[in-house]
């Protein structure tokens, strides 16, 4: 498929990162597949997570086709960009069409980006995962690449005013080792295993994070922050 829209958007995003002065660290780049279908399964803590994850994949010379909610595609500004970058429209009232579209893209060798929590975690902990990511991976026979983003919540997240000042915020993106589930595996057990992996990775990233979490609104209660308590 032709990618006429993606390159200029990437250029604009890189300029935006430079404007913000982000101190970006990408770990585990070697785990990104250079070819073939794969699912990037990411935690979700802020509105910039799409662009940050897409940036992390660029060294592998891959584009990520994100599964995103219908409301973004309905926006008169964002919609044409989303369609031009061949992202996948998710209508939660009728999810079968998006599932089929994602399956088709995976079998064509694309990298699909999914937030298995389905929404931003206000606690900044890993919420319960939806099973769609595991079912897609099993059906298409592709690996899941667990990916953790940390720091983006300090810039723009749900329920907190965005802060677009140049503050040199440290951002860590940790790409984990591929996980391959077979069609014979139990879906619920696979989801539990994926979540456990993502939780472990998140804790590792937080332990290595250069700024203190103590007393910060952008940090979870577990680390001495003042973010809302987890709901699950």
C-alpha atoms as a PDB file:
ATOM      1  CA  UNK A   1       0.000   0.000   0.000  1.00  0.00           C
ATOM      2  CA  UNK A   2       1.233   3.488  -0.849  1.00  0.00           C
ATOM      3  CA  UNK A   3       2.326   5.634   2.093  1.00  0.00           C
ATOM      4  CA  UNK A   4       2.096   9.223   0.907  1.00  0.00           C
ATOM      5  CA  UNK A   5       0.763  10.673   4.174  1.00  0.00           C
ATOM      6  CA  UNK A   6       2.866   8.851   6.770  1.00  0.00           C
ATOM      7  CA  UNK A   7       6.328  10.363   5.906  1.00  0.00           C
ATOM      8  CA  UNK A   8       5.326  14.041   6.233  1.00  0.00           C
ATOM      9  CA  UNK A   9       3.417  13.282   9.449  1.00  0.00           C
ATOM     10  CA  UNK A  10       6.541  11.611  10.853  1.00  0.00           C
ATOM     11  CA  UNK A  11       8.549  14.692   9.933  1.00  0.00           C
ATOM     12  CA  UNK A  12       6.079  16.931  11.774  1.00  0.00           C
ATOM     13  CA  UNK A  13       6.098  14.645  14.821  1.00  0.00           C
ATOM     14  CA  UNK A  14       9.893  14.684  14.994  1.00  0.00           C
ATOM     15  CA  UNK A  15       9.834  18.486  14.941  1.00  0.00           C
ATOM     16  CA  UNK A  16       7.287  18.434  17.762  1.00  0.00           C
ATOM     17  CA  UNK A  17       9.517  16.158  19.863  1.00  0.00           C
ATOM     18  CA  UNK A  18      12.404  18.544  19.233  1.00  0.00           C
ATOM     19  CA  UNK A  19      10.266  21.526  20.260  1.00  0.00           C
ATOM     20  CA  UNK A  20       9.356  19.760  23.529  1.00  0.00           C
ATOM     21  CA  UNK A  21      12.991  18.841  24.086  1.00  0.00           C
ATOM     22  CA  UNK A  22      12.097  15.268  24.994  1.00  0.00           C
ATOM     23  CA  UNK A  23      14.871  13.079  26.368  1.00  0.00           C
ATOM     24  CA  UNK A  24      13.801   9.899  24.624  1.00  0.00           C
ATOM     25  CA  UNK A  25      15.238   6.489  25.442  1.00  0.00           C
ATOM     26  CA  UNK A  26      14.245   3.492  23.316  1.00  0.00           C
ATOM     27  CA  UNK A  27      15.162   0.100  24.743  1.00  0.00           C
ATOM     28  CA  UNK A  28      14.845  -3.285  23.041  1.00  0.00           C
ATOM     29  CA  UNK A  29      14.941  -2.044  19.450  1.00  0.00           C
ATOM     30  CA  UNK A  30      16.378  -5.421  18.432  1.00  0.00           C
ATOM     31  CA  UNK A  31      13.008  -7.003  19.306  1.00  0.00           C
ATOM     32  CA  UNK A  32      11.206  -5.154  16.519  1.00  0.00           C
ATOM     33  CA  UNK A  33      10.622  -7.444  13.531  1.00  0.00           C
ATOM     34  CA  UNK A  34      12.114  -6.156  10.281  1.00  0.00           C
ATOM     35  CA  UNK A  35       9.481  -7.925   8.212  1.00  0.00           C
ATOM     36  CA  UNK A  36       6.242  -9.869   8.607  1.00  0.00           C
ATOM     37  CA  UNK A  37       3.072  -9.259  10.564  1.00  0.00           C
ATOM     38  CA  UNK A  38       3.227  -8.430  14.275  1.00  0.00           C
ATOM     39  CA  UNK A  39       1.144  -6.773  16.971  1.00  0.00           C
ATOM     40  CA  UNK A  40       2.588  -3.974  19.070  1.00  0.00           C
ATOM     41  CA  UNK A  41       0.713  -4.274  22.400  1.00  0.00           C
ATOM     42  CA  UNK A  42       1.250  -1.089  24.415  1.00  0.00           C
ATOM     43  CA  UNK A  43       0.258   0.319  27.774  1.00  0.00           C
ATOM     44  CA  UNK A  44      -1.761   3.532  27.547  1.00  0.00           C
ATOM     45  CA  UNK A  45      -0.984   6.482  29.822  1.00  0.00           C
ATOM     46  CA  UNK A  46      -1.328   9.569  27.621  1.00  0.00           C
ATOM     47  CA  UNK A  47      -2.585  11.052  24.390  1.00  0.00           C
ATOM     48  CA  UNK A  48       0.861  11.080  22.764  1.00  0.00           C
ATOM     49  CA  UNK A  49       1.397   7.316  23.105  1.00  0.00           C
ATOM     50  CA  UNK A  50       0.420   6.657  19.471  1.00  0.00           C
ATOM     51  CA  UNK A  51       3.063   8.978  18.098  1.00  0.00           C
ATOM     52  CA  UNK A  52       5.731   7.887  20.577  1.00  0.00           C
ATOM     53  CA  UNK A  53       5.245   4.194  19.796  1.00  0.00           C
ATOM     54  CA  UNK A  54       5.303   4.942  16.076  1.00  0.00           C
ATOM     55  CA  UNK A  55       8.574   6.839  16.535  1.00  0.00           C
ATOM     56  CA  UNK A  56      10.129   3.893  18.387  1.00  0.00           C
ATOM     57  CA  UNK A  57       9.432   1.566  15.455  1.00  0.00           C
ATOM     58  CA  UNK A  58      11.090   3.763  12.813  1.00  0.00           C
ATOM     59  CA  UNK A  59      14.602   2.260  13.283  1.00  0.00           C
ATOM     60  CA  UNK A  60      13.138  -1.056  12.081  1.00  0.00           C
ATOM     61  CA  UNK A  61      11.945   0.779   8.950  1.00  0.00           C
ATOM     62  CA  UNK A  62       8.339  -0.148   9.735  1.00  0.00           C
ATOM     63  CA  UNK A  63       5.113   1.840   9.971  1.00  0.00           C
ATOM     64  CA  UNK A  64       2.530   0.973  12.609  1.00  0.00           C
ATOM     65  CA  UNK A  65      -1.139   0.761  11.637  1.00  0.00           C
ATOM     66  CA  UNK A  66      -2.935   1.696  14.842  1.00  0.00           C
ATOM     67  CA  UNK A  67      -6.379   0.509  15.829  1.00  0.00           C
ATOM     68  CA  UNK A  68      -8.107   3.699  16.975  1.00  0.00           C
ATOM     69  CA  UNK A  69     -11.615   4.598  18.047  1.00  0.00           C
ATOM     70  CA  UNK A  70     -14.150   5.812  15.514  1.00  0.00           C
ATOM     71  CA  UNK A  71     -14.361   9.294  17.074  1.00  0.00           C
ATOM     72  CA  UNK A  72     -10.824  10.085  15.892  1.00  0.00           C
ATOM     73  CA  UNK A  73     -11.692   9.091  12.325  1.00  0.00           C
ATOM     74  CA  UNK A  74     -14.836  11.257  12.504  1.00  0.00           C
ATOM     75  CA  UNK A  75     -12.765  14.361  13.331  1.00  0.00           C
ATOM     76  CA  UNK A  76     -12.538  16.617  10.267  1.00  0.00           C
ATOM     77  CA  UNK A  77      -8.825  17.239  10.816  1.00  0.00           C
ATOM     78  CA  UNK A  78      -7.563  13.948  12.233  1.00  0.00           C
ATOM     79  CA  UNK A  79      -9.818  11.699  10.158  1.00  0.00           C
ATOM     80  CA  UNK A  80      -8.159  12.265   6.755  1.00  0.00           C
ATOM     81  CA  UNK A  81      -4.722  11.805   8.327  1.00  0.00           C
ATOM     82  CA  UNK A  82      -5.761   8.553  10.025  1.00  0.00           C
ATOM     83  CA  UNK A  83      -7.151   7.170   6.785  1.00  0.00           C
ATOM     84  CA  UNK A  84      -4.130   8.376   4.821  1.00  0.00           C
ATOM     85  CA  UNK A  85      -1.814   6.486   7.189  1.00  0.00           C
ATOM     86  CA  UNK A  86      -4.003   3.366   6.833  1.00  0.00           C
ATOM     87  CA  UNK A  87      -4.879   3.130  10.522  1.00  0.00           C
ATOM     88  CA  UNK A  88      -7.830   0.921  11.449  1.00  0.00           C
ATOM     89  CA  UNK A  89     -11.169   2.399  12.465  1.00  0.00           C
ATOM     90  CA  UNK A  90     -12.640   0.734  15.579  1.00  0.00           C
ATOM     91  CA  UNK A  91     -16.384   1.180  16.016  1.00  0.00           C
ATOM     92  CA  UNK A  92     -17.070  -0.293  19.448  1.00  0.00           C
ATOM     93  CA  UNK A  93     -20.727  -0.797  18.591  1.00  0.00           C
ATOM     94  CA  UNK A  94     -19.662  -3.165  15.803  1.00  0.00           C
ATOM     95  CA  UNK A  95     -16.162  -4.475  16.387  1.00  0.00           C
ATOM     96  CA  UNK A  96     -16.206  -7.326  13.860  1.00  0.00           C
ATOM     97  CA  UNK A  97     -15.324  -5.119  10.875  1.00  0.00           C
ATOM     98  CA  UNK A  98     -12.222  -3.710  12.579  1.00  0.00           C
ATOM     99  CA  UNK A  99     -11.192  -7.214  13.698  1.00  0.00           C
ATOM    100  CA  UNK A 100     -11.402  -8.444  10.107  1.00  0.00           C
ATOM    101  CA  UNK A 101      -9.485  -5.398   8.833  1.00  0.00           C
ATOM    102  CA  UNK A 102      -6.730  -5.944  11.408  1.00  0.00           C
ATOM    103  CA  UNK A 103      -6.527  -9.650  10.574  1.00  0.00           C
ATOM    104  CA  UNK A 104      -6.203  -8.848   6.882  1.00  0.00           C
ATOM    105  CA  UNK A 105      -3.430  -6.319   7.562  1.00  0.00           C
ATOM    106  CA  UNK A 106      -1.499  -8.747   9.785  1.00  0.00           C
ATOM    107  CA  UNK A 107      -1.658 -11.474   7.161  1.00  0.00           C
ATOM    108  CA  UNK A 108      -0.357  -8.942   4.632  1.00  0.00           C
ATOM    109  CA  UNK A 109       2.712  -8.441   6.832  1.00  0.00           C
ATOM    110  CA  UNK A 110       1.779  -5.177   8.570  1.00  0.00           C
ATOM    111  CA  UNK A 111       2.580  -4.135  12.144  1.00  0.00           C
ATOM    112  CA  UNK A 112      -0.646  -3.388  14.012  1.00  0.00           C
ATOM    113  CA  UNK A 113      -0.612  -1.179  17.115  1.00  0.00           C
ATOM    114  CA  UNK A 114      -3.107  -1.959  19.872  1.00  0.00           C
ATOM    115  CA  UNK A 115      -3.694  -0.630  23.375  1.00  0.00           C
ATOM    116  CA  UNK A 116      -5.088  -3.798  25.045  1.00  0.00           C
ATOM    117  CA  UNK A 117      -6.375  -1.778  28.018  1.00  0.00           C
ATOM    118  CA  UNK A 118      -8.678  -0.035  25.476  1.00  0.00           C
ATOM    119  CA  UNK A 119      -8.417   3.319  27.274  1.00  0.00           C
ATOM    120  CA  UNK A 120      -5.938   5.508  29.144  1.00  0.00           C
ATOM    121  CA  UNK A 121      -5.118   4.238  32.617  1.00  0.00           C
ATOM    122  CA  UNK A 122      -5.671   7.146  35.027  1.00  0.00           C
ATOM    123  CA  UNK A 123      -3.714   5.288  37.720  1.00  0.00           C
ATOM    124  CA  UNK A 124      -0.802   4.756  35.291  1.00  0.00           C
ATOM    125  CA  UNK A 125      -0.803   1.080  36.259  1.00  0.00           C
ATOM    126  CA  UNK A 126      -1.669  -1.701  33.786  1.00  0.00           C
ATOM    127  CA  UNK A 127      -5.437  -2.143  33.714  1.00  0.00           C
ATOM    128  CA  UNK A 128      -7.200  -5.374  32.817  1.00  0.00           C
ATOM    129  CA  UNK A 129      -6.595  -6.297  29.171  1.00  0.00           C
ATOM    130  CA  UNK A 130      -9.188  -7.013  26.524  1.00  0.00           C
ATOM    131  CA  UNK A 131      -8.771 -10.384  24.814  1.00  0.00           C
ATOM    132  CA  UNK A 132      -8.900  -8.993  21.275  1.00  0.00           C
ATOM    133  CA  UNK A 133      -5.131  -8.632  20.966  1.00  0.00           C
ATOM    134  CA  UNK A 134      -4.533 -12.276  21.888  1.00  0.00           C
ATOM    135  CA  UNK A 135      -7.305 -13.537  19.610  1.00  0.00           C
ATOM    136  CA  UNK A 136      -5.917 -11.508  16.712  1.00  0.00           C
ATOM    137  CA  UNK A 137      -2.393 -12.825  17.263  1.00  0.00           C
ATOM    138  CA  UNK A 138      -3.615 -16.418  17.456  1.00  0.00           C
ATOM    139  CA  UNK A 139      -5.814 -16.067  14.389  1.00  0.00           C
ATOM    140  CA  UNK A 140      -3.126 -14.467  12.243  1.00  0.00           C
ATOM    141  CA  UNK A 141      -0.258 -16.554  13.618  1.00  0.00           C
ATOM    142  CA  UNK A 142       1.850 -13.498  14.419  1.00  0.00           C
ATOM    143  CA  UNK A 143       3.870 -12.517  17.501  1.00  0.00           C
ATOM    144  CA  UNK A 144       2.827  -9.945  20.082  1.00  0.00           C
ATOM    145  CA  UNK A 145       5.511  -7.370  20.884  1.00  0.00           C
ATOM    146  CA  UNK A 146       4.782  -6.065  24.421  1.00  0.00           C
ATOM    147  CA  UNK A 147       5.744  -2.399  24.621  1.00  0.00           C
ATOM    148  CA  UNK A 148       5.866  -0.023  27.579  1.00  0.00           C
ATOM    149  CA  UNK A 149       5.770   3.776  27.395  1.00  0.00           C
ATOM    150  CA  UNK A 150       6.633   5.893  30.431  1.00  0.00           C
ATOM    151  CA  UNK A 151       6.779   9.664  30.829  1.00  0.00           C
ATOM    152  CA  UNK A 152       4.181  10.688  28.247  1.00  0.00           C
ATOM    153  CA  UNK A 153       1.589  11.181  31.000  1.00  0.00           C
ATOM    154  CA  UNK A 154       3.625  14.168  32.190  1.00  0.00           C
ATOM    155  CA  UNK A 155       2.822  16.017  28.958  1.00  0.00           C
ATOM    156  CA  UNK A 156      -0.796  15.207  28.149  1.00  0.00           C
ATOM    157  CA  UNK A 157      -3.100  12.694  29.785  1.00  0.00           C
ATOM    158  CA  UNK A 158      -6.730  12.235  30.716  1.00  0.00           C
ATOM    159  CA  UNK A 159      -8.143  14.542  33.383  1.00  0.00           C
ATOM    160  CA  UNK A 160      -5.027  16.731  33.629  1.00  0.00           C
ATOM    161  CA  UNK A 161      -4.330  19.952  31.662  1.00  0.00           C
ATOM    162  CA  UNK A 162      -1.747  19.343  28.947  1.00  0.00           C
ATOM    163  CA  UNK A 163       1.693  20.855  29.454  1.00  0.00           C
ATOM    164  CA  UNK A 164       3.385  21.588  26.127  1.00  0.00           C
ATOM    165  CA  UNK A 165       6.216  23.639  27.565  1.00  0.00           C
ATOM    166  CA  UNK A 166       9.796  22.722  26.681  1.00  0.00           C
ATOM    167  CA  UNK A 167      10.661  20.845  29.865  1.00  0.00           C
ATOM    168  CA  UNK A 168      13.006  18.110  28.598  1.00  0.00           C
ATOM    169  CA  UNK A 169      10.772  15.366  29.985  1.00  0.00           C
ATOM    170  CA  UNK A 170      12.419  11.917  29.990  1.00  0.00           C
ATOM    171  CA  UNK A 171      10.451   9.436  27.881  1.00  0.00           C
ATOM    172  CA  UNK A 172      11.213   5.721  27.950  1.00  0.00           C
ATOM    173  CA  UNK A 173       9.890   3.249  25.378  1.00  0.00           C
ATOM    174  CA  UNK A 174      10.727  -0.349  26.173  1.00  0.00           C
ATOM    175  CA  UNK A 175      10.115  -2.919  23.427  1.00  0.00           C
ATOM    176  CA  UNK A 176       9.902  -6.433  24.842  1.00  0.00           C
ATOM    177  CA  UNK A 177      10.715  -9.798  23.326  1.00  0.00           C
ATOM    178  CA  UNK A 178       8.115 -11.251  20.919  1.00  0.00           C
ATOM    179  CA  UNK A 179       5.511 -13.571  22.427  1.00  0.00           C
ATOM    180  CA  UNK A 180       3.941 -16.175  20.149  1.00  0.00           C
ATOM    181  CA  UNK A 181       0.727 -17.911  21.171  1.00  0.00           C
ATOM    182  CA  UNK A 182      -0.642 -20.878  19.239  1.00  0.00           C
ATOM    183  CA  UNK A 183      -4.270 -21.371  18.224  1.00  0.00           C
ATOM    184  CA  UNK A 184      -4.473 -24.197  20.766  1.00  0.00           C
ATOM    185  CA  UNK A 185      -3.572 -21.944  23.712  1.00  0.00           C
ATOM    186  CA  UNK A 186      -6.252 -20.827  26.134  1.00  0.00           C
ATOM    187  CA  UNK A 187      -7.199 -17.210  25.349  1.00  0.00           C
ATOM    188  CA  UNK A 188      -7.812 -16.197  28.959  1.00  0.00           C
ATOM    189  CA  UNK A 189      -4.541 -17.735  30.143  1.00  0.00           C
ATOM    190  CA  UNK A 190      -2.666 -16.039  27.299  1.00  0.00           C
ATOM    191  CA  UNK A 191      -4.169 -12.676  28.278  1.00  0.00           C
ATOM    192  CA  UNK A 192      -3.069 -13.206  31.891  1.00  0.00           C
ATOM    193  CA  UNK A 193       0.449 -14.056  30.709  1.00  0.00           C
ATOM    194  CA  UNK A 194       0.618 -10.994  28.453  1.00  0.00           C
ATOM    195  CA  UNK A 195      -0.553  -8.683  31.231  1.00  0.00           C
ATOM    196  CA  UNK A 196       1.976 -10.180  33.678  1.00  0.00           C
ATOM    197  CA  UNK A 197       4.751  -9.520  31.157  1.00  0.00           C
ATOM    198  CA  UNK A 198       3.631  -5.928  30.639  1.00  0.00           C
ATOM    199  CA  UNK A 199       3.397  -5.301  34.401  1.00  0.00           C
ATOM    200  CA  UNK A 200       6.916  -6.647  34.908  1.00  0.00           C
ATOM    201  CA  UNK A 201       8.240  -4.490  32.060  1.00  0.00           C
ATOM    202  CA  UNK A 202       6.499  -1.388  33.426  1.00  0.00           C
ATOM    203  CA  UNK A 203       8.087  -1.887  36.835  1.00  0.00           C
ATOM    204  CA  UNK A 204      11.520  -2.283  35.240  1.00  0.00           C
ATOM    205  CA  UNK A 205      11.086   0.976  33.302  1.00  0.00           C
ATOM    206  CA  UNK A 206       9.901   2.812  36.410  1.00  0.00           C
ATOM    207  CA  UNK A 207      12.870   1.523  38.416  1.00  0.00           C
ATOM    208  CA  UNK A 208      15.267   2.921  35.798  1.00  0.00           C
ATOM    209  CA  UNK A 209      13.443   6.221  35.269  1.00  0.00           C
ATOM    210  CA  UNK A 210      15.764   9.175  35.971  1.00  0.00           C
ATOM    211  CA  UNK A 211      13.244  11.430  37.776  1.00  0.00           C
ATOM    212  CA  UNK A 212      11.765  10.729  41.213  1.00  0.00           C
ATOM    213  CA  UNK A 213       8.148   9.596  41.366  1.00  0.00           C
ATOM    214  CA  UNK A 214       7.685  10.698  44.982  1.00  0.00           C
ATOM    215  CA  UNK A 215       4.775  13.108  45.417  1.00  0.00           C
ATOM    216  CA  UNK A 216       4.146  13.507  41.682  1.00  0.00           C
ATOM    217  CA  UNK A 217       0.674  13.674  40.155  1.00  0.00           C
ATOM    218  CA  UNK A 218       1.992  11.742  37.161  1.00  0.00           C
ATOM    219  CA  UNK A 219       3.197   8.832  39.322  1.00  0.00           C
ATOM    220  CA  UNK A 220       1.153   5.906  40.685  1.00  0.00           C
ATOM    221  CA  UNK A 221       0.354   5.518  44.369  1.00  0.00           C
ATOM    222  CA  UNK A 222       2.567   2.436  44.481  1.00  0.00           C
ATOM    223  CA  UNK A 223       5.613   4.639  43.842  1.00  0.00           C
ATOM    224  CA  UNK A 224       4.619   7.417  46.228  1.00  0.00           C
ATOM    225  CA  UNK A 225       2.804   9.487  43.612  1.00  0.00           C
ATOM    226  CA  UNK A 226      -0.649  11.011  43.854  1.00  0.00           C
ATOM    227  CA  UNK A 227      -2.350   9.562  40.762  1.00  0.00           C
ATOM    228  CA  UNK A 228      -5.822   8.053  41.303  1.00  0.00           C
ATOM    229  CA  UNK A 229      -5.962   4.553  42.775  1.00  0.00           C
ATOM    230  CA  UNK A 230      -6.344   1.688  40.283  1.00  0.00           C
ATOM    231  CA  UNK A 231      -9.930   0.631  39.642  1.00  0.00           C
ATOM    232  CA  UNK A 232      -9.008  -2.975  38.881  1.00  0.00           C
END
